[in-house]
PDB file of N, CA and C in Angstrom:
ATOM      1  N   MET A   1      -7.940  15.318  -0.051  1.00  0.00           N
ATOM      2  CA  MET A   1      -7.816  15.005  -1.465  1.00  0.00           C
ATOM      3  C   MET A   1      -7.281  13.588  -1.613  1.00  0.00           C
ATOM      4  N   ASN A   2      -7.796  12.847  -2.557  1.00  0.00           N
ATOM      5  CA  ASN A   2      -7.341  11.489  -2.800  1.00  0.00           C
ATOM      6  C   ASN A   2      -6.905  11.317  -4.238  1.00  0.00           C
ATOM      7  N   ASP A   3      -5.812  10.570  -4.454  1.00  0.00           N
ATOM      8  CA  ASP A   3      -5.397  10.179  -5.790  1.00  0.00           C
ATOM      9  C   ASP A   3      -6.139   8.885  -6.090  1.00  0.00           C
ATOM     10  N   ARG A   4      -7.264   8.964  -6.758  1.00  0.00           N
ATOM     11  CA  ARG A   4      -8.089   7.783  -6.992  1.00  0.00           C
ATOM     12  C   ARG A   4      -7.723   7.127  -8.317  1.00  0.00           C
ATOM     13  N   ALA A   5      -6.460   6.825  -8.498  1.00  0.00           N
ATOM     14  CA  ALA A   5      -6.008   6.186  -9.727  1.00  0.00           C
ATOM     15  C   ALA A   5      -6.509   4.747  -9.749  1.00  0.00           C
ATOM     16  N   PRO A   6      -6.934   4.259 -10.920  1.00  0.00           N
ATOM     17  CA  PRO A   6      -7.428   2.889 -11.003  1.00  0.00           C
ATOM     18  C   PRO A   6      -6.323   1.856 -10.840  1.00  0.00           C
ATOM     19  N   LYS A   7      -5.083   2.277 -10.938  1.00  0.00           N
ATOM     20  CA  LYS A   7      -3.995   1.338 -10.735  1.00  0.00           C
ATOM     21  C   LYS A   7      -2.999   1.951  -9.755  1.00  0.00           C
ATOM     22  N   PRO A   8      -2.167   1.127  -9.153  1.00  0.00           N
ATOM     23  CA  PRO A   8      -1.215   1.625  -8.169  1.00  0.00           C
ATOM     24  C   PRO A   8      -0.243   2.660  -8.745  1.00  0.00           C
ATOM     25  N   THR A   9       0.174   3.577  -7.884  1.00  0.00           N
ATOM     26  CA  THR A   9       1.128   4.622  -8.222  1.00  0.00           C
ATOM     27  C   THR A   9       2.520   4.183  -7.797  1.00  0.00           C
ATOM     28  N   ARG A  10       3.481   4.266  -8.707  1.00  0.00           N
ATOM     29  CA  ARG A  10       4.871   3.922  -8.371  1.00  0.00           C
ATOM     30  C   ARG A  10       5.523   5.114  -7.667  1.00  0.00           C
ATOM     31  N   LEU A  11       6.133   4.830  -6.527  1.00  0.00           N
ATOM     32  CA  LEU A  11       6.797   5.848  -5.722  1.00  0.00           C
ATOM     33  C   LEU A  11       8.304   5.606  -5.785  1.00  0.00           C
ATOM     34  N   GLU A  12       9.082   6.677  -5.865  1.00  0.00           N
ATOM     35  CA  GLU A  12      10.527   6.541  -6.078  1.00  0.00           C
ATOM     36  C   GLU A  12      11.356   6.455  -4.798  1.00  0.00           C
ATOM     37  N   ASP A  13      10.994   7.248  -3.776  1.00  0.00           N
ATOM     38  CA  ASP A  13      11.828   7.316  -2.573  1.00  0.00           C
ATOM     39  C   ASP A  13      10.981   7.752  -1.384  1.00  0.00           C
ATOM     40  N   GLY A  14      11.645   7.949  -0.252  1.00  0.00           N
ATOM     41  CA  GLY A  14      10.930   8.319   0.966  1.00  0.00           C
ATOM     42  C   GLY A  14      10.172   9.621   0.853  1.00  0.00           C
ATOM     43  N   ALA A  15      10.743  10.608   0.179  1.00  0.00           N
ATOM     44  CA  ALA A  15      10.062  11.897   0.014  1.00  0.00           C
ATOM     45  C   ALA A  15       8.804  11.717  -0.832  1.00  0.00           C
ATOM     46  N   ASP A  16       8.898  10.910  -1.881  1.00  0.00           N
ATOM     47  CA  ASP A  16       7.740  10.618  -2.735  1.00  0.00           C
ATOM     48  C   ASP A  16       6.660   9.894  -1.923  1.00  0.00           C
ATOM     49  N   LEU A  17       7.071   8.949  -1.097  1.00  0.00           N
ATOM     50  CA  LEU A  17       6.138   8.217  -0.232  1.00  0.00           C
ATOM     51  C   LEU A  17       5.447   9.180   0.737  1.00  0.00           C
ATOM     52  N   ASP A  18       6.215  10.050   1.356  1.00  0.00           N
ATOM     53  CA  ASP A  18       5.642  11.014   2.300  1.00  0.00           C
ATOM     54  C   ASP A  18       4.590  11.896   1.624  1.00  0.00           C
ATOM     55  N   ARG A  19       4.892  12.384   0.424  1.00  0.00           N
ATOM     56  CA  ARG A  19       3.937  13.220  -0.313  1.00  0.00           C
ATOM     57  C   ARG A  19       2.662  12.432  -0.629  1.00  0.00           C
ATOM     58  N   PHE A  20       2.822  11.183  -1.051  1.00  0.00           N
ATOM     59  CA  PHE A  20       1.682  10.326  -1.396  1.00  0.00           C
ATOM     60  C   PHE A  20       0.768  10.122  -0.178  1.00  0.00           C
ATOM     61  N   VAL A  21       1.371   9.803   0.952  1.00  0.00           N
ATOM     62  CA  VAL A  21       0.599   9.573   2.178  1.00  0.00           C
ATOM     63  C   VAL A  21      -0.066  10.869   2.642  1.00  0.00           C
ATOM     64  N   GLU A  22       0.640  11.996   2.500  1.00  0.00           N
ATOM     65  CA  GLU A  22       0.080  13.299   2.883  1.00  0.00           C
ATOM     66  C   GLU A  22      -1.122  13.676   2.026  1.00  0.00           C
ATOM     67  N   ARG A  23      -1.040  13.405   0.728  1.00  0.00           N
ATOM     68  CA  ARG A  23      -2.096  13.784  -0.223  1.00  0.00           C
ATOM     69  C   ARG A  23      -3.363  12.952  -0.067  1.00  0.00           C
ATOM     70  N   ASN A  24      -3.249  11.789   0.550  1.00  0.00           N
ATOM     71  CA  ASN A  24      -4.375  10.861   0.599  1.00  0.00           C
ATOM     72  C   ASN A  24      -4.798  10.598   2.034  1.00  0.00           C
ATOM     73  N   ASP A  25      -6.087  10.775   2.299  1.00  0.00           N
ATOM     74  CA  ASP A  25      -6.605  10.503   3.634  1.00  0.00           C
ATOM     75  C   ASP A  25      -6.371   9.037   4.002  1.00  0.00           C
ATOM     76  N   LEU A  26      -6.504   8.176   3.008  1.00  0.00           N
ATOM     77  CA  LEU A  26      -6.325   6.740   3.201  1.00  0.00           C
ATOM     78  C   LEU A  26      -5.419   6.239   2.085  1.00  0.00           C
ATOM     79  N   ALA A  27      -4.321   5.581   2.452  1.00  0.00           N
ATOM     80  CA  ALA A  27      -3.364   5.105   1.461  1.00  0.00           C
ATOM     81  C   ALA A  27      -2.843   3.730   1.863  1.00  0.00           C
ATOM     82  N   LEU A  28      -2.786   2.837   0.886  1.00  0.00           N
ATOM     83  CA  LEU A  28      -2.222   1.505   1.075  1.00  0.00           C
ATOM     84  C   LEU A  28      -0.936   1.460   0.271  1.00  0.00           C
ATOM     85  N   VAL A  29       0.168   1.129   0.934  1.00  0.00           N
ATOM     86  CA  VAL A  29       1.474   1.122   0.275  1.00  0.00           C
ATOM     87  C   VAL A  29       2.077  -0.271   0.344  1.00  0.00           C
ATOM     88  N   GLU A  30       2.508  -0.762  -0.822  1.00  0.00           N
ATOM     89  CA  GLU A  30       3.219  -2.040  -0.879  1.00  0.00           C
ATOM     90  C   GLU A  30       4.711  -1.754  -0.956  1.00  0.00           C
ATOM     91  N   PHE A  31       5.460  -2.352  -0.037  1.00  0.00           N
ATOM     92  CA  PHE A  31       6.913  -2.362  -0.097  1.00  0.00           C
ATOM     93  C   PHE A  31       7.293  -3.653  -0.812  1.00  0.00           C
ATOM     94  N   TYR A  32       8.048  -3.542  -1.899  1.00  0.00           N
ATOM     95  CA  TYR A  32       8.385  -4.699  -2.729  1.00  0.00           C
ATOM     96  C   TYR A  32       9.854  -4.641  -3.118  1.00  0.00           C
ATOM     97  N   THR A  33      10.339  -5.712  -3.705  1.00  0.00           N
ATOM     98  CA  THR A  33      11.673  -5.702  -4.279  1.00  0.00           C
ATOM     99  C   THR A  33      11.608  -6.213  -5.711  1.00  0.00           C
ATOM    100  N   LYS A  34      12.542  -5.739  -6.496  1.00  0.00           N
ATOM    101  CA  LYS A  34      12.635  -6.174  -7.886  1.00  0.00           C
ATOM    102  C   LYS A  34      12.937  -7.670  -7.909  1.00  0.00           C
ATOM    103  N   GLY A  35      12.250  -8.389  -8.773  1.00  0.00           N
ATOM    104  CA  GLY A  35      12.481  -9.825  -8.908  1.00  0.00           C
ATOM    105  C   GLY A  35      11.663 -10.678  -7.954  1.00  0.00           C
ATOM    106  N   CYS A  36      10.879 -10.070  -7.087  1.00  0.00           N
ATOM    107  CA  CYS A  36      10.034 -10.807  -6.136  1.00  0.00           C
ATOM    108  C   CYS A  36       8.737 -11.188  -6.841  1.00  0.00           C
ATOM    109  N   ALA A  37       8.563 -12.488  -7.121  1.00  0.00           N
ATOM    110  CA  ALA A  37       7.375 -12.954  -7.847  1.00  0.00           C
ATOM    111  C   ALA A  37       6.087 -12.664  -7.076  1.00  0.00           C
ATOM    112  N   ARG A  38       6.118 -12.841  -5.764  1.00  0.00           N
ATOM    113  CA  ARG A  38       4.914 -12.560  -4.959  1.00  0.00           C
ATOM    114  C   ARG A  38       4.562 -11.078  -5.020  1.00  0.00           C
ATOM    115  N   CYS A  39       5.590 -10.241  -5.008  1.00  0.00           N
ATOM    116  CA  CYS A  39       5.360  -8.796  -5.095  1.00  0.00           C
ATOM    117  C   CYS A  39       4.730  -8.437  -6.433  1.00  0.00           C
ATOM    118  N   GLN A  40       5.245  -8.999  -7.508  1.00  0.00           N
ATOM    119  CA  GLN A  40       4.698  -8.738  -8.840  1.00  0.00           C
ATOM    120  C   GLN A  40       3.249  -9.212  -8.927  1.00  0.00           C
ATOM    121  N   ALA A  41       2.950 -10.336  -8.309  1.00  0.00           N
ATOM    122  CA  ALA A  41       1.583 -10.870  -8.329  1.00  0.00           C
ATOM    123  C   ALA A  41       0.618  -9.981  -7.543  1.00  0.00           C
ATOM    124  N   MET A  42       1.132  -9.183  -6.615  1.00  0.00           N
ATOM    125  CA  MET A  42       0.284  -8.303  -5.812  1.00  0.00           C
ATOM    126  C   MET A  42      -0.214  -7.096  -6.598  1.00  0.00           C
ATOM    127  N   GLU A  43       0.510  -6.672  -7.634  1.00  0.00           N
ATOM    128  CA  GLU A  43       0.130  -5.439  -8.331  1.00  0.00           C
ATOM    129  C   GLU A  43      -1.288  -5.484  -8.894  1.00  0.00           C
ATOM    130  N   PRO A  44      -1.701  -6.523  -9.641  1.00  0.00           N
ATOM    131  CA  PRO A  44      -3.088  -6.530 -10.115  1.00  0.00           C
ATOM    132  C   PRO A  44      -4.094  -6.645  -8.961  1.00  0.00           C
ATOM    133  N   VAL A  45      -3.732  -7.351  -7.916  1.00  0.00           N
ATOM    134  CA  VAL A  45      -4.595  -7.448  -6.729  1.00  0.00           C
ATOM    135  C   VAL A  45      -4.813  -6.056  -6.147  1.00  0.00           C
ATOM    136  N   LEU A  46      -3.737  -5.291  -6.038  1.00  0.00           N
ATOM    137  CA  LEU A  46      -3.835  -3.956  -5.454  1.00  0.00           C
ATOM    138  C   LEU A  46      -4.637  -3.006  -6.338  1.00  0.00           C
ATOM    139  N   GLY A  47      -4.565  -3.196  -7.648  1.00  0.00           N
ATOM    140  CA  GLY A  47      -5.421  -2.430  -8.549  1.00  0.00           C
ATOM    141  C   GLY A  47      -6.887  -2.737  -8.290  1.00  0.00           C
ATOM    142  N   ASN A  48      -7.200  -4.026  -8.096  1.00  0.00           N
ATOM    143  CA  ASN A  48      -8.576  -4.426  -7.766  1.00  0.00           C
ATOM    144  C   ASN A  48      -9.022  -3.817  -6.447  1.00  0.00           C
ATOM    145  N   VAL A  49      -8.124  -3.816  -5.458  1.00  0.00           N
ATOM    146  CA  VAL A  49      -8.434  -3.246  -4.141  1.00  0.00           C
ATOM    147  C   VAL A  49      -8.718  -1.748  -4.271  1.00  0.00           C
ATOM    148  N   ALA A  50      -7.905  -1.045  -5.058  1.00  0.00           N
ATOM    149  CA  ALA A  50      -8.115   0.399  -5.261  1.00  0.00           C
ATOM    150  C   ALA A  50      -9.484   0.655  -5.867  1.00  0.00           C
ATOM    151  N   ARG A  51      -9.859  -0.130  -6.872  1.00  0.00           N
ATOM    152  CA  ARG A  51     -11.158   0.052  -7.517  1.00  0.00           C
ATOM    153  C   ARG A  51     -12.307  -0.312  -6.581  1.00  0.00           C
ATOM    154  N   ALA A  52     -12.132  -1.358  -5.778  1.00  0.00           N
ATOM    155  CA  ALA A  52     -13.209  -1.828  -4.893  1.00  0.00           C
ATOM    156  C   ALA A  52     -13.427  -0.924  -3.685  1.00  0.00           C
ATOM    157  N   THR A  53     -12.368  -0.251  -3.237  1.00  0.00           N
ATOM    158  CA  THR A  53     -12.457   0.496  -1.977  1.00  0.00           C
ATOM    159  C   THR A  53     -12.282   2.002  -2.126  1.00  0.00           C
ATOM    160  N   GLY A  54     -11.724   2.461  -3.246  1.00  0.00           N
ATOM    161  CA  GLY A  54     -11.417   3.882  -3.391  1.00  0.00           C
ATOM    162  C   GLY A  54     -10.149   4.290  -2.682  1.00  0.00           C
ATOM    163  N   VAL A  55      -9.414   3.332  -2.131  1.00  0.00           N
ATOM    164  CA  VAL A  55      -8.170   3.615  -1.422  1.00  0.00           C
ATOM    165  C   VAL A  55      -7.055   3.862  -2.427  1.00  0.00           C
ATOM    166  N   ALA A  56      -6.277   4.905  -2.205  1.00  0.00           N
ATOM    167  CA  ALA A  56      -5.110   5.174  -3.043  1.00  0.00           C
ATOM    168  C   ALA A  56      -4.047   4.125  -2.727  1.00  0.00           C
ATOM    169  N   VAL A  57      -3.435   3.559  -3.771  1.00  0.00           N
ATOM    170  CA  VAL A  57      -2.438   2.509  -3.589  1.00  0.00           C
ATOM    171  C   VAL A  57      -1.107   2.958  -4.183  1.00  0.00           C
ATOM    172  N   GLY A  58      -0.054   2.806  -3.406  1.00  0.00           N
ATOM    173  CA  GLY A  58       1.291   3.133  -3.863  1.00  0.00           C
ATOM    174  C   GLY A  58       2.197   1.932  -3.767  1.00  0.00           C
ATOM    175  N   LEU A  59       3.198   1.886  -4.643  1.00  0.00           N
ATOM    176  CA  LEU A  59       4.195   0.815  -4.648  1.00  0.00           C
ATOM    177  C   LEU A  59       5.572   1.443  -4.492  1.00  0.00           C
ATOM    178  N   ILE A  60       6.379   0.902  -3.578  1.00  0.00           N
ATOM    179  CA  ILE A  60       7.722   1.442  -3.412  1.00  0.00           C
ATOM    180  C   ILE A  60       8.723   0.326  -3.152  1.00  0.00           C
ATOM    181  N   ASN A  61       9.857   0.441  -3.810  1.00  0.00           N
ATOM    182  CA  ASN A  61      10.966  -0.495  -3.605  1.00  0.00           C
ATOM    183  C   ASN A  61      11.917   0.151  -2.606  1.00  0.00           C
ATOM    184  N   PRO A  62      11.994  -0.367  -1.379  1.00  0.00           N
ATOM    185  CA  PRO A  62      12.870   0.256  -0.388  1.00  0.00           C
ATOM    186  C   PRO A  62      14.343   0.159  -0.771  1.00  0.00           C
ATOM    187  N   GLY A  63      14.669  -0.660  -1.771  1.00  0.00           N
ATOM    188  CA  GLY A  63      16.039  -0.699  -2.268  1.00  0.00           C
ATOM    189  C   GLY A  63      16.454   0.608  -2.912  1.00  0.00           C
ATOM    190  N   ASN A  64      15.475   1.418  -3.355  1.00  0.00           N
ATOM    191  CA  ASN A  64      15.761   2.729  -3.941  1.00  0.00           C
ATOM    192  C   ASN A  64      16.073   3.770  -2.873  1.00  0.00           C
ATOM    193  N   ASP A  65      15.671   3.502  -1.636  1.00  0.00           N
ATOM    194  CA  ASP A  65      15.903   4.404  -0.510  1.00  0.00           C
ATOM    195  C   ASP A  65      15.982   3.519   0.739  1.00  0.00           C
ATOM    196  N   VAL A  66      17.167   2.971   0.994  1.00  0.00           N
ATOM    197  CA  VAL A  66      17.320   1.932   2.027  1.00  0.00           C
ATOM    198  C   VAL A  66      16.931   2.396   3.431  1.00  0.00           C
ATOM    199  N   ARG A  67      16.869   3.694   3.661  1.00  0.00           N
ATOM    200  CA  ARG A  67      16.423   4.190   4.979  1.00  0.00           C
ATOM    201  C   ARG A  67      14.996   3.765   5.283  1.00  0.00           C
ATOM    202  N   LEU A  68      14.214   3.486   4.227  1.00  0.00           N
ATOM    203  CA  LEU A  68      12.821   3.071   4.416  1.00  0.00           C
ATOM    204  C   LEU A  68      12.708   1.733   5.130  1.00  0.00           C
ATOM    205  N   VAL A  69      13.705   0.866   4.967  1.00  0.00           N
ATOM    206  CA  VAL A  69      13.673  -0.458   5.609  1.00  0.00           C
ATOM    207  C   VAL A  69      13.574  -0.299   7.117  1.00  0.00           C
ATOM    208  N   ASP A  70      14.423   0.526   7.693  1.00  0.00           N
ATOM    209  CA  ASP A  70      14.383   0.754   9.139  1.00  0.00           C
ATOM    210  C   ASP A  70      13.204   1.639   9.534  1.00  0.00           C
ATOM    211  N   ARG A  71      12.967   2.661   8.763  1.00  0.00           N
ATOM    212  CA  ARG A  71      11.900   3.616   9.089  1.00  0.00           C
ATOM    213  C   ARG A  71      10.542   2.931   9.198  1.00  0.00           C
ATOM    214  N   PHE A  72      10.276   1.964   8.310  1.00  0.00           N
ATOM    215  CA  PHE A  72       8.993   1.277   8.319  1.00  0.00           C
ATOM    216  C   PHE A  72       9.106  -0.174   8.777  1.00  0.00           C
ATOM    217  N   ASP A  73      10.257  -0.541   9.317  1.00  0.00           N
ATOM    218  CA  ASP A  73      10.479  -1.869   9.878  1.00  0.00           C
ATOM    219  C   ASP A  73      10.073  -2.971   8.879  1.00  0.00           C
ATOM    220  N   VAL A  74      10.574  -2.851   7.650  1.00  0.00           N
ATOM    221  CA  VAL A  74      10.276  -3.820   6.601  1.00  0.00           C
ATOM    222  C   VAL A  74      11.229  -5.000   6.754  1.00  0.00           C
ATOM    223  N   GLU A  75      10.673  -6.149   7.139  1.00  0.00           N
ATOM    224  CA  GLU A  75      11.481  -7.346   7.351  1.00  0.00           C
ATOM    225  C   GLU A  75      11.314  -8.368   6.236  1.00  0.00           C
ATOM    226  N   SER A  76      10.227  -8.251   5.470  1.00  0.00           N
ATOM    227  CA  SER A  76       9.980  -9.162   4.356  1.00  0.00           C
ATOM    228  C   SER A  76       9.135  -8.434   3.319  1.00  0.00           C
ATOM    229  N   VAL A  77       9.126  -8.983   2.112  1.00  0.00           N
ATOM    230  CA  VAL A  77       8.299  -8.424   1.049  1.00  0.00           C
ATOM    231  C   VAL A  77       7.447  -9.530   0.458  1.00  0.00           C
ATOM    232  N   PRO A  78       6.277  -9.211  -0.023  1.00  0.00           N
ATOM    233  CA  PRO A  78       5.667  -7.891   0.043  1.00  0.00           C
ATOM    234  C   PRO A  78       5.173  -7.559   1.450  1.00  0.00           C
ATOM    235  N   THR A  79       5.296  -6.291   1.805  1.00  0.00           N
ATOM    236  CA  THR A  79       4.709  -5.764   3.030  1.00  0.00           C
ATOM    237  C   THR A  79       3.720  -4.692   2.629  1.00  0.00           C
ATOM    238  N   LEU A  80       2.511  -4.784   3.124  1.00  0.00           N
ATOM    239  CA  LEU A  80       1.475  -3.780   2.864  1.00  0.00           C
ATOM    240  C   LEU A  80       1.266  -2.965   4.138  1.00  0.00           C
ATOM    241  N   VAL A  81       1.309  -1.648   3.997  1.00  0.00           N
ATOM    242  CA  VAL A  81       1.085  -0.760   5.136  1.00  0.00           C
ATOM    243  C   VAL A  81      -0.061   0.178   4.783  1.00  0.00           C
ATOM    244  N   LEU A  82      -1.046   0.234   5.671  1.00  0.00           N
ATOM    245  CA  LEU A  82      -2.203   1.101   5.492  1.00  0.00           C
ATOM    246  C   LEU A  82      -2.016   2.353   6.343  1.00  0.00           C
ATOM    247  N   PHE A  83      -2.196   3.520   5.710  1.00  0.00           N
ATOM    248  CA  PHE A  83      -2.073   4.800   6.399  1.00  0.00           C
ATOM    249  C   PHE A  83      -3.425   5.506   6.362  1.00  0.00           C
ATOM    250  N   GLU A  84      -3.822   6.035   7.501  1.00  0.00           N
ATOM    251  CA  GLU A  84      -5.018   6.877   7.557  1.00  0.00           C
ATOM    252  C   GLU A  84      -4.612   8.195   8.191  1.00  0.00           C
ATOM    253  N   ASP A  85      -4.876   9.290   7.483  1.00  0.00           N
ATOM    254  CA  ASP A  85      -4.484  10.629   7.939  1.00  0.00           C
ATOM    255  C   ASP A  85      -3.007  10.679   8.316  1.00  0.00           C
ATOM    256  N   GLY A  86      -2.170  10.008   7.530  1.00  0.00           N
ATOM    257  CA  GLY A  86      -0.723  10.056   7.713  1.00  0.00           C
ATOM    258  C   GLY A  86      -0.141   9.094   8.720  1.00  0.00           C
ATOM    259  N   SER A  87      -0.974   8.375   9.457  1.00  0.00           N
ATOM    260  CA  SER A  87      -0.487   7.439  10.474  1.00  0.00           C
ATOM    261  C   SER A  87      -0.749   5.998  10.050  1.00  0.00           C
ATOM    262  N   GLU A  88       0.196   5.127  10.363  1.00  0.00           N
ATOM    263  CA  GLU A  88       0.008   3.707  10.069  1.00  0.00           C
ATOM    264  C   GLU A  88      -1.109   3.152  10.933  1.00  0.00           C
ATOM    265  N   THR A  89      -2.069   2.475  10.284  1.00  0.00           N
ATOM    266  CA  THR A  89      -3.184   1.880  11.024  1.00  0.00           C
ATOM    267  C   THR A  89      -3.231   0.364  10.886  1.00  0.00           C
ATOM    268  N   GLY A  90      -2.433  -0.186   9.986  1.00  0.00           N
ATOM    269  CA  GLY A  90      -2.427  -1.633   9.806  1.00  0.00           C
ATOM    270  C   GLY A  90      -1.304  -2.061   8.889  1.00  0.00           C
ATOM    271  N   ARG A  91      -0.990  -3.366   8.974  1.00  0.00           N
ATOM    272  CA  ARG A  91       0.124  -3.909   8.202  1.00  0.00           C
ATOM    273  C   ARG A  91      -0.105  -5.380   7.944  1.00  0.00           C
ATOM    274  N   ILE A  92       0.256  -5.820   6.731  1.00  0.00           N
ATOM    275  CA  ILE A  92       0.294  -7.239   6.375  1.00  0.00           C
ATOM    276  C   ILE A  92       1.693  -7.518   5.845  1.00  0.00           C
ATOM    277  N   ALA A  93       2.364  -8.484   6.436  1.00  0.00           N
ATOM    278  CA  ALA A  93       3.706  -8.858   5.982  1.00  0.00           C
ATOM    279  C   ALA A  93       3.796 -10.378   5.935  1.00  0.00           C
ATOM    280  N   GLU A  94       2.802 -10.979   5.293  1.00  0.00           N
ATOM    281  CA  GLU A  94       2.704 -12.438   5.300  1.00  0.00           C
ATOM    282  C   GLU A  94       2.658 -13.015   3.894  1.00  0.00           C
ATOM    283  N   GLY A  95       3.342 -12.366   2.929  1.00  0.00           N
ATOM    284  CA  GLY A  95       3.365 -12.889   1.571  1.00  0.00           C
ATOM    285  C   GLY A  95       2.154 -12.478   0.770  1.00  0.00           C
ATOM    286  N   PHE A  96       1.885 -13.215  -0.288  1.00  0.00           N
ATOM    287  CA  PHE A  96       0.795 -12.901  -1.206  1.00  0.00           C
ATOM    288  C   PHE A  96      -0.556 -13.034  -0.519  1.00  0.00           C
ATOM    289  N   ARG A  97      -1.438 -12.074  -0.806  1.00  0.00           N
ATOM    290  CA  ARG A  97      -2.822 -12.112  -0.349  1.00  0.00           C
ATOM    291  C   ARG A  97      -3.692 -11.743  -1.547  1.00  0.00           C
ATOM    292  N   GLY A  98      -4.833 -12.394  -1.674  1.00  0.00           N
ATOM    293  CA  GLY A  98      -5.758 -12.103  -2.761  1.00  0.00           C
ATOM    294  C   GLY A  98      -6.568 -10.853  -2.493  1.00  0.00           C
ATOM    295  N   THR A  99      -7.336 -10.456  -3.506  1.00  0.00           N
ATOM    296  CA  THR A  99      -8.139  -9.235  -3.421  1.00  0.00           C
ATOM    297  C   THR A  99      -9.061  -9.241  -2.209  1.00  0.00           C
ATOM    298  N   GLY A 100      -9.804 -10.321  -2.009  1.00  0.00           N
ATOM    299  CA  GLY A 100     -10.747 -10.385  -0.891  1.00  0.00           C
ATOM    300  C   GLY A 100     -10.074 -10.195   0.451  1.00  0.00           C
ATOM    301  N   ALA A 101      -8.934 -10.824   0.641  1.00  0.00           N
ATOM    302  CA  ALA A 101      -8.211 -10.718   1.912  1.00  0.00           C
ATOM    303  C   ALA A 101      -7.713  -9.299   2.149  1.00  0.00           C
ATOM    304  N   VAL A 102      -7.240  -8.642   1.095  1.00  0.00           N
ATOM    305  CA  VAL A 102      -6.729  -7.277   1.258  1.00  0.00           C
ATOM    306  C   VAL A 102      -7.881  -6.294   1.466  1.00  0.00           C
ATOM    307  N   VAL A 103      -8.998  -6.474   0.772  1.00  0.00           N
ATOM    308  CA  VAL A 103     -10.166  -5.619   0.989  1.00  0.00           C
ATOM    309  C   VAL A 103     -10.662  -5.782   2.426  1.00  0.00           C
ATOM    310  N   THR A 104     -10.715  -7.006   2.919  1.00  0.00           N
ATOM    311  CA  THR A 104     -11.119  -7.254   4.308  1.00  0.00           C
ATOM    312  C   THR A 104     -10.171  -6.550   5.273  1.00  0.00           C
ATOM    313  N   PHE A 105      -8.871  -6.651   5.018  1.00  0.00           N
ATOM    314  CA  PHE A 105      -7.860  -5.978   5.845  1.00  0.00           C
ATOM    315  C   PHE A 105      -8.112  -4.471   5.872  1.00  0.00           C
ATOM    316  N   VAL A 106      -8.320  -3.872   4.699  1.00  0.00           N
ATOM    317  CA  VAL A 106      -8.570  -2.424   4.624  1.00  0.00           C
ATOM    318  C   VAL A 106      -9.837  -2.068   5.395  1.00  0.00           C
ATOM    319  N   ASN A 107     -10.897  -2.829   5.186  1.00  0.00           N
ATOM    320  CA  ASN A 107     -12.159  -2.563   5.891  1.00  0.00           C
ATOM    321  C   ASN A 107     -12.005  -2.668   7.400  1.00  0.00           C
ATOM    322  N   GLU A 108     -11.236  -3.641   7.870  1.00  0.00           N
ATOM    323  CA  GLU A 108     -11.048  -3.832   9.310  1.00  0.00           C
ATOM    324  C   GLU A 108     -10.232  -2.708   9.931  1.00  0.00           C
ATOM    325  N   HIS A 109      -9.292  -2.137   9.173  1.00  0.00           N
ATOM    326  CA  HIS A 109      -8.389  -1.137   9.738  1.00  0.00           C
ATOM    327  C   HIS A 109      -8.772   0.302   9.418  1.00  0.00           C
ATOM    328  N   ALA A 110      -9.716   0.482   8.503  1.00  0.00           N
ATOM    329  CA  ALA A 110     -10.135   1.842   8.162  1.00  0.00           C
ATOM    330  C   ALA A 110     -11.576   1.823   7.660  1.00  0.00           C
ATOM    331  N   GLY A 111     -12.413   1.046   8.284  1.00  0.00           N
ATOM    332  CA  GLY A 111     -13.777   0.830   7.821  1.00  0.00           C
ATOM    333  C   GLY A 111     -14.586   2.093   7.568  1.00  0.00           C
ATOM    334  N   GLU A 112     -14.480   3.076   8.435  1.00  0.00           N
ATOM    335  CA  GLU A 112     -15.267   4.308   8.287  1.00  0.00           C
ATOM    336  C   GLU A 112     -14.860   5.085   7.044  1.00  0.00           C
ATOM    337  N   ALA A 113     -13.575   4.982   6.678  1.00  0.00           N
ATOM    338  CA  ALA A 113     -13.050   5.791   5.574  1.00  0.00           C
ATOM    339  C   ALA A 113     -13.168   5.113   4.220  1.00  0.00           C
ATOM    340  N   VAL A 114     -13.541   3.838   4.188  1.00  0.00           N
ATOM    341  CA  VAL A 114     -13.557   3.064   2.945  1.00  0.00           C
ATOM    342  C   VAL A 114     -14.876   3.254   2.208  1.00  0.00           C
ATOM    343  N   GLU A 115     -14.771   3.432   0.902  1.00  0.00           N
ATOM    344  CA  GLU A 115     -15.955   3.599   0.053  1.00  0.00           C
ATOM    345  C   GLU A 115     -16.105   2.346  -0.809  1.00  0.00           C
ATOM    346  N   THR A 116     -16.631   1.278  -0.269  1.00  0.00           N
ATOM    347  CA  THR A 116     -16.774   0.054  -1.052  1.00  0.00           C
ATOM    348  C   THR A 116     -17.897   0.194  -2.050  1.00  0.00           C
ATOM    349  N   GLU A 117     -17.692  -0.479  -3.185  1.00  0.00           N
ATOM    350  CA  GLU A 117     -18.695  -0.462  -4.261  1.00  0.00           C
ATOM    351  C   GLU A 117     -19.800  -1.423  -3.956  1.00  0.00           C
TER     352      GLU A 117
END
């Protein structure tokens, strides 16, 4: 089952993140912090990625559940983590990326599972 929302889903804590990843065969999660301009700029990009690929997208602030920083080795924000069948298959932690770059990343790390338009 996939949450095919046209825009990213806000996640509150680690339990919410776990449920989101469990519910979706393929999920892209952005780790962000409040006040991060690059993180805010990623939200519309991630909405475009969700529409272009059918990938469920979640947003989580690890400041709401600081255990996530160590659990997912978040060293900078924004960090994008791609999960397929509950396992991490790829990661981008290099600042802002545009729609094309993120779609390419998703295709490279989960090409068989992606439903591009």
